Amino acid sequence: SISPSSTNNTTLPIVPNYLRHPVFPHISTQSITNLSSINNQTITLLCRIADDPSETDFIEFDFNKTPNNGSFQRLLSNICHELNINHIDKLRRLPCVRIRNDRDIERLKDNHMLEVILVKKL
């Protein structure tokens, strides 16, 4: 019979790989904040036309928030292209926040829902 004390004194004929070749502690040259800021610049937005009984579904599209200058006009242009419309009267982030300028675009986050209010025809 084998006693517990005799098994503790024996050595294995092999050395495990994790002991023979330990992992080298690499230091990353990129900062984590730079990586997160790059990922946060392209967001996915959901958009639909407000008060349109024929279409209640949202359309999903990607929008790059950089450069910050002119991002409001770029967003309006992207929405017009995605929804096949010519002009937007107002843009609303649901439930009830109006988007008016580039600063409002900076606050948008991934998967925010937007509603487009069209110009009323007389």
N, C-alpha and C. Protein backbone atom coordinates (compact mmCIF):
# COMPACT_ATOMS: atom_id res chain seq x y z
N SER A 1 0.83 -1.18 0.00
CA SER A 1 0.00 0.00 0.00
C SER A 1 0.87 1.24 0.00
N ILE A 2 0.35 2.30 -0.53
CA ILE A 2 1.09 3.55 -0.63
C ILE A 2 0.61 4.48 0.47
N SER A 3 1.53 4.99 1.20
CA SER A 3 1.15 5.92 2.27
C SER A 3 1.19 7.35 1.75
N PRO A 4 0.42 8.27 2.33
CA PRO A 4 0.41 9.66 1.88
C PRO A 4 1.76 10.33 2.00
N SER A 5 2.56 9.95 2.97
CA SER A 5 3.86 10.60 3.14
C SER A 5 4.83 10.19 2.04
N SER A 6 4.71 8.98 1.50
CA SER A 6 5.61 8.54 0.44
C SER A 6 5.32 9.23 -0.89
N THR A 7 4.06 9.59 -1.15
CA THR A 7 3.73 10.27 -2.40
C THR A 7 4.17 11.72 -2.40
N ASN A 8 4.28 12.34 -1.26
CA ASN A 8 4.70 13.74 -1.18
C ASN A 8 6.18 13.90 -1.46
N ASN A 9 6.98 12.87 -1.22
CA ASN A 9 8.43 12.97 -1.40
C ASN A 9 8.87 12.65 -2.82
N THR A 10 8.01 12.07 -3.61
CA THR A 10 8.38 11.72 -4.98
C THR A 10 8.21 12.93 -5.88
N THR A 11 9.05 13.01 -6.90
CA THR A 11 8.94 14.10 -7.88
C THR A 11 8.45 13.54 -9.20
N LEU A 12 7.79 14.36 -9.94
CA LEU A 12 7.28 13.95 -11.24
C LEU A 12 8.41 13.91 -12.25
N PRO A 13 8.35 13.02 -13.21
CA PRO A 13 9.42 12.96 -14.21
C PRO A 13 9.32 14.09 -15.25
N ILE A 14 8.22 14.84 -15.20
CA ILE A 14 8.05 15.94 -16.16
C ILE A 14 7.86 17.25 -15.40
N VAL A 15 8.10 18.34 -16.13
CA VAL A 15 7.84 19.67 -15.57
C VAL A 15 6.70 20.27 -16.40
N PRO A 16 5.62 20.70 -15.78
CA PRO A 16 4.50 21.26 -16.55
C PRO A 16 4.92 22.50 -17.34
N ASN A 17 4.27 22.71 -18.46
CA ASN A 17 4.59 23.83 -19.35
C ASN A 17 4.45 25.17 -18.66
N TYR A 18 3.44 25.34 -17.82
CA TYR A 18 3.24 26.63 -17.18
C TYR A 18 4.36 26.94 -16.19
N LEU A 19 5.08 25.91 -15.72
CA LEU A 19 6.25 26.15 -14.86
C LEU A 19 7.52 26.30 -15.69
N ARG A 20 7.63 25.54 -16.76
CA ARG A 20 8.82 25.60 -17.62
C ARG A 20 8.87 26.92 -18.40
N HIS A 21 7.72 27.39 -18.86
CA HIS A 21 7.63 28.63 -19.66
C HIS A 21 6.59 29.55 -19.05
N PRO A 22 6.92 30.28 -18.00
CA PRO A 22 5.93 31.16 -17.38
C PRO A 22 5.57 32.32 -18.31
N VAL A 23 4.38 32.86 -18.13
CA VAL A 23 3.90 33.96 -18.96
C VAL A 23 4.69 35.22 -18.63
N PHE A 24 5.16 35.88 -19.69
CA PHE A 24 5.92 37.12 -19.50
C PHE A 24 4.95 38.26 -19.22
N PRO A 25 5.19 39.05 -18.18
CA PRO A 25 4.26 40.15 -17.85
C PRO A 25 4.46 41.33 -18.81
N HIS A 26 3.67 41.36 -19.87
CA HIS A 26 3.77 42.43 -20.88
C HIS A 26 3.19 43.73 -20.35
N ILE A 27 3.76 44.83 -20.80
CA ILE A 27 3.23 46.15 -20.47
C ILE A 27 2.68 46.74 -21.76
N SER A 28 1.43 47.11 -21.73
CA SER A 28 0.78 47.68 -22.91
C SER A 28 1.21 49.13 -23.09
N THR A 29 1.46 49.51 -24.36
CA THR A 29 1.84 50.90 -24.63
C THR A 29 0.62 51.78 -24.84
N GLN A 30 -0.54 51.19 -25.13
CA GLN A 30 -1.76 51.97 -25.33
C GLN A 30 -2.48 52.12 -24.01
N SER A 31 -2.97 53.32 -23.78
CA SER A 31 -3.73 53.52 -22.55
C SER A 31 -5.16 53.05 -22.74
N ILE A 32 -5.78 52.64 -21.68
CA ILE A 32 -7.15 52.13 -21.72
C ILE A 32 -8.13 53.24 -22.08
N THR A 33 -7.87 54.45 -21.64
CA THR A 33 -8.80 55.55 -21.92
C THR A 33 -8.85 55.85 -23.41
N ASN A 34 -7.72 55.71 -24.12
CA ASN A 34 -7.73 55.95 -25.55
C ASN A 34 -8.57 54.90 -26.27
N LEU A 35 -8.47 53.65 -25.83
CA LEU A 35 -9.26 52.60 -26.47
C LEU A 35 -10.75 52.81 -26.25
N SER A 36 -11.13 53.21 -25.05
CA SER A 36 -12.56 53.40 -24.79
C SER A 36 -13.10 54.62 -25.52
N SER A 37 -12.29 55.65 -25.71
CA SER A 37 -12.78 56.82 -26.43
C SER A 37 -12.96 56.53 -27.91
N ILE A 38 -12.12 55.65 -28.47
CA ILE A 38 -12.29 55.27 -29.88
C ILE A 38 -13.58 54.48 -30.04
N ASN A 39 -13.84 53.55 -29.13
CA ASN A 39 -15.04 52.72 -29.22
C ASN A 39 -16.31 53.53 -29.01
N ASN A 40 -16.25 54.61 -28.23
CA ASN A 40 -17.45 55.39 -27.93
C ASN A 40 -17.81 56.37 -29.04
N GLN A 41 -16.97 56.55 -30.05
CA GLN A 41 -17.24 57.54 -31.07
C GLN A 41 -18.27 57.05 -32.10
N THR A 42 -18.29 55.77 -32.41
CA THR A 42 -19.29 55.23 -33.32
C THR A 42 -20.39 54.59 -32.50
N ILE A 43 -21.61 55.10 -32.69
CA ILE A 43 -22.74 54.61 -31.91
C ILE A 43 -23.82 54.10 -32.86
N THR A 44 -24.66 53.24 -32.35
CA THR A 44 -25.81 52.76 -33.10
C THR A 44 -27.04 53.49 -32.60
N LEU A 45 -27.77 54.10 -33.53
CA LEU A 45 -28.97 54.85 -33.17
C LEU A 45 -30.19 54.18 -33.79
N LEU A 46 -31.32 54.33 -33.13
CA LEU A 46 -32.60 53.82 -33.64
C LEU A 46 -33.46 55.03 -33.98
N CYS A 47 -34.04 55.04 -35.16
CA CYS A 47 -34.76 56.23 -35.60
C CYS A 47 -36.06 55.83 -36.30
N ARG A 48 -37.07 56.69 -36.14
CA ARG A 48 -38.35 56.51 -36.83
C ARG A 48 -39.00 57.87 -37.01
N ILE A 49 -40.02 57.90 -37.86
CA ILE A 49 -40.79 59.12 -38.09
C ILE A 49 -41.91 59.16 -37.05
N ALA A 50 -42.04 60.29 -36.37
CA ALA A 50 -43.06 60.44 -35.34
C ALA A 50 -44.44 60.54 -35.97
N ASP A 51 -45.43 60.03 -35.29
CA ASP A 51 -46.84 60.14 -35.69
C ASP A 51 -47.10 59.61 -37.09
N ASP A 52 -46.42 58.53 -37.47
CA ASP A 52 -46.67 57.89 -38.76
C ASP A 52 -47.36 56.56 -38.48
N PRO A 53 -48.68 56.50 -38.66
CA PRO A 53 -49.40 55.27 -38.33
C PRO A 53 -49.02 54.09 -39.22
N SER A 54 -48.50 54.36 -40.42
CA SER A 54 -48.16 53.27 -41.32
C SER A 54 -46.82 52.62 -40.97
N GLU A 55 -45.96 53.34 -40.23
CA GLU A 55 -44.64 52.80 -39.89
C GLU A 55 -44.29 53.11 -38.44
N THR A 56 -44.35 52.09 -37.59
CA THR A 56 -44.04 52.30 -36.17
C THR A 56 -42.69 51.69 -35.78
N ASP A 57 -42.04 51.01 -36.72
CA ASP A 57 -40.76 50.37 -36.42
C ASP A 57 -39.61 51.37 -36.49
N PHE A 58 -38.55 51.06 -35.76
CA PHE A 58 -37.34 51.87 -35.78
C PHE A 58 -36.38 51.34 -36.84
N ILE A 59 -35.61 52.24 -37.42
CA ILE A 59 -34.52 51.87 -38.32
C ILE A 59 -33.22 52.07 -37.56
N GLU A 60 -32.35 51.08 -37.63
CA GLU A 60 -31.09 51.12 -36.90
C GLU A 60 -29.97 51.51 -37.85
N PHE A 61 -29.12 52.46 -37.44
CA PHE A 61 -27.96 52.84 -38.25
C PHE A 61 -26.82 53.29 -37.36
N ASP A 62 -25.61 53.20 -37.90
CA ASP A 62 -24.41 53.61 -37.17
C ASP A 62 -24.10 55.06 -37.48
N PHE A 63 -23.61 55.77 -36.47
CA PHE A 63 -23.25 57.18 -36.63
C PHE A 63 -21.94 57.43 -35.90
N ASN A 64 -21.00 58.07 -36.60
CA ASN A 64 -19.71 58.43 -36.01
C ASN A 64 -19.80 59.85 -35.48
N LYS A 65 -19.59 60.02 -34.18
CA LYS A 65 -19.75 61.34 -33.55
C LYS A 65 -18.55 62.26 -33.79
N THR A 66 -17.45 61.76 -34.33
CA THR A 66 -16.29 62.62 -34.59
C THR A 66 -16.26 62.98 -36.06
N PRO A 67 -15.85 64.15 -36.46
CA PRO A 67 -15.48 65.27 -35.60
C PRO A 67 -16.73 65.90 -34.99
N ASN A 68 -16.53 66.52 -33.83
CA ASN A 68 -17.67 67.11 -33.11
C ASN A 68 -18.26 68.29 -33.86
N ASN A 69 -17.42 69.03 -34.57
CA ASN A 69 -17.89 70.21 -35.30
C ASN A 69 -18.74 69.76 -36.50
N GLY A 70 -19.98 70.18 -36.53
CA GLY A 70 -20.87 69.83 -37.63
C GLY A 70 -21.56 68.49 -37.49
N SER A 71 -21.48 67.87 -36.32
CA SER A 71 -22.07 66.54 -36.15
C SER A 71 -23.60 66.59 -36.19
N PHE A 72 -24.20 67.71 -35.79
CA PHE A 72 -25.67 67.81 -35.84
C PHE A 72 -26.15 67.78 -37.29
N GLN A 73 -25.50 68.54 -38.16
CA GLN A 73 -25.90 68.55 -39.57
C GLN A 73 -25.63 67.19 -40.23
N ARG A 74 -24.53 66.53 -39.86
CA ARG A 74 -24.25 65.19 -40.40
C ARG A 74 -25.30 64.19 -39.96
N LEU A 75 -25.75 64.30 -38.70
CA LEU A 75 -26.79 63.39 -38.21
C LEU A 75 -28.09 63.61 -38.96
N LEU A 76 -28.47 64.87 -39.16
CA LEU A 76 -29.69 65.16 -39.92
C LEU A 76 -29.60 64.60 -41.34
N SER A 77 -28.44 64.76 -41.96
CA SER A 77 -28.24 64.24 -43.31
C SER A 77 -28.33 62.71 -43.34
N ASN A 78 -27.72 62.05 -42.35
CA ASN A 78 -27.79 60.58 -42.28
C ASN A 78 -29.22 60.10 -42.09
N ILE A 79 -29.96 60.78 -41.23
CA ILE A 79 -31.35 60.38 -40.97
C ILE A 79 -32.20 60.57 -42.22
N CYS A 80 -32.03 61.70 -42.91
CA CYS A 80 -32.78 61.92 -44.16
C CYS A 80 -32.48 60.82 -45.17
N HIS A 81 -31.22 60.43 -45.25
CA HIS A 81 -30.84 59.36 -46.19
C HIS A 81 -31.45 58.02 -45.77
N GLU A 82 -31.37 57.68 -44.50
CA GLU A 82 -31.87 56.38 -44.01
C GLU A 82 -33.38 56.27 -44.13
N LEU A 83 -34.11 57.35 -43.87
CA LEU A 83 -35.57 57.32 -43.88
C LEU A 83 -36.18 57.76 -45.21
N ASN A 84 -35.33 58.13 -46.16
CA ASN A 84 -35.79 58.61 -47.48
C ASN A 84 -36.74 59.79 -47.36
N ILE A 85 -36.31 60.80 -46.61
CA ILE A 85 -37.10 62.02 -46.46
C ILE A 85 -36.24 63.20 -46.89
N ASN A 86 -36.89 64.36 -47.12
CA ASN A 86 -36.16 65.52 -47.62
C ASN A 86 -35.80 66.53 -46.54
N HIS A 87 -36.68 66.72 -45.56
CA HIS A 87 -36.45 67.78 -44.59
C HIS A 87 -36.98 67.37 -43.22
N ILE A 88 -36.24 67.77 -42.18
CA ILE A 88 -36.62 67.47 -40.80
C ILE A 88 -36.95 68.77 -40.10
N ASP A 89 -38.10 68.82 -39.45
CA ASP A 89 -38.46 70.01 -38.67
C ASP A 89 -37.81 69.96 -37.29
N LYS A 90 -37.98 68.85 -36.57
CA LYS A 90 -37.40 68.69 -35.24
C LYS A 90 -36.88 67.27 -35.10
N LEU A 91 -35.91 67.13 -34.19
CA LEU A 91 -35.37 65.82 -33.86
C LEU A 91 -35.50 65.62 -32.36
N ARG A 92 -36.05 64.48 -31.97
CA ARG A 92 -36.33 64.23 -30.56
C ARG A 92 -35.69 62.91 -30.14
N ARG A 93 -35.01 62.93 -28.97
CA ARG A 93 -34.54 61.69 -28.34
C ARG A 93 -35.63 61.26 -27.38
N LEU A 94 -36.09 60.05 -27.53
CA LEU A 94 -37.19 59.58 -26.69
C LEU A 94 -36.76 59.43 -25.25
N PRO A 95 -37.60 59.76 -24.28
CA PRO A 95 -39.02 60.01 -24.42
C PRO A 95 -39.37 61.44 -24.83
N CYS A 96 -38.64 62.47 -24.39
CA CYS A 96 -39.10 63.82 -24.72
C CYS A 96 -37.97 64.86 -24.65
N VAL A 97 -36.82 64.56 -25.26
CA VAL A 97 -35.70 65.49 -25.24
C VAL A 97 -35.42 65.94 -26.67
N ARG A 98 -35.46 67.23 -26.90
CA ARG A 98 -35.22 67.77 -28.24
C ARG A 98 -33.72 67.89 -28.48
N ILE A 99 -33.28 67.47 -29.65
CA ILE A 99 -31.87 67.58 -30.04
C ILE A 99 -31.75 68.79 -30.95
N ARG A 100 -30.87 69.74 -30.56
CA ARG A 100 -30.80 71.02 -31.27
C ARG A 100 -29.43 71.36 -31.84
N ASN A 101 -28.35 70.82 -31.26
CA ASN A 101 -27.02 71.26 -31.69
C ASN A 101 -25.97 70.16 -31.46
N ASP A 102 -24.71 70.51 -31.74
CA ASP A 102 -23.61 69.54 -31.62
C ASP A 102 -23.41 69.06 -30.18
N ARG A 103 -23.66 69.90 -29.21
CA ARG A 103 -23.51 69.51 -27.80
C ARG A 103 -24.51 68.40 -27.45
N ASP A 104 -25.71 68.49 -27.99
CA ASP A 104 -26.71 67.43 -27.75
C ASP A 104 -26.27 66.11 -28.39
N ILE A 105 -25.60 66.19 -29.54
CA ILE A 105 -25.10 64.99 -30.22
C ILE A 105 -24.02 64.32 -29.38
N GLU A 106 -23.17 65.11 -28.73
CA GLU A 106 -22.11 64.55 -27.87
C GLU A 106 -22.69 63.72 -26.74
N ARG A 107 -23.87 64.06 -26.27
CA ARG A 107 -24.49 63.33 -25.15
C ARG A 107 -25.21 62.06 -25.59
N LEU A 108 -25.38 61.85 -26.88
CA LEU A 108 -26.04 60.64 -27.35
C LEU A 108 -25.21 59.42 -27.02
N LYS A 109 -25.89 58.36 -26.65
CA LYS A 109 -25.23 57.10 -26.33
C LYS A 109 -25.74 56.01 -27.26
N ASP A 110 -25.07 54.88 -27.20
CA ASP A 110 -25.41 53.74 -28.05
C ASP A 110 -26.85 53.30 -27.80
N ASN A 111 -27.56 53.02 -28.88
CA ASN A 111 -28.95 52.52 -28.88
C ASN A 111 -29.98 53.52 -28.36
N HIS A 112 -29.67 54.81 -28.42
CA HIS A 112 -30.70 55.80 -28.11
C HIS A 112 -31.74 55.81 -29.22
N MET A 113 -32.98 56.05 -28.85
CA MET A 113 -34.08 56.09 -29.81
C MET A 113 -34.39 57.53 -30.17
N LEU A 114 -34.46 57.79 -31.48
CA LEU A 114 -34.73 59.13 -31.98
C LEU A 114 -36.03 59.12 -32.77
N GLU A 115 -36.75 60.24 -32.69
CA GLU A 115 -37.95 60.43 -33.50
C GLU A 115 -37.78 61.69 -34.33
N VAL A 116 -38.21 61.61 -35.56
CA VAL A 116 -38.13 62.73 -36.49
C VAL A 116 -39.51 63.33 -36.62
N ILE A 117 -39.59 64.64 -36.43
CA ILE A 117 -40.85 65.36 -36.66
C ILE A 117 -40.70 66.07 -37.99
N LEU A 118 -41.57 65.72 -38.93
CA LEU A 118 -41.49 66.29 -40.27
C LEU A 118 -42.20 67.63 -40.34
N VAL A 119 -41.87 68.41 -41.37
CA VAL A 119 -42.53 69.68 -41.61
C VAL A 119 -43.97 69.38 -42.01
N LYS A 120 -44.91 70.07 -41.37
CA LYS A 120 -46.33 69.85 -41.69
C LYS A 120 -46.68 70.56 -42.98
N LYS A 121 -47.31 69.83 -43.88
CA LYS A 121 -47.74 70.41 -45.16
C LYS A 121 -49.10 71.06 -44.97
N LEU A 122 -49.23 72.27 -45.49
CA LEU A 122 -50.50 72.99 -45.37
C LEU A 122 -51.38 72.77 -46.55
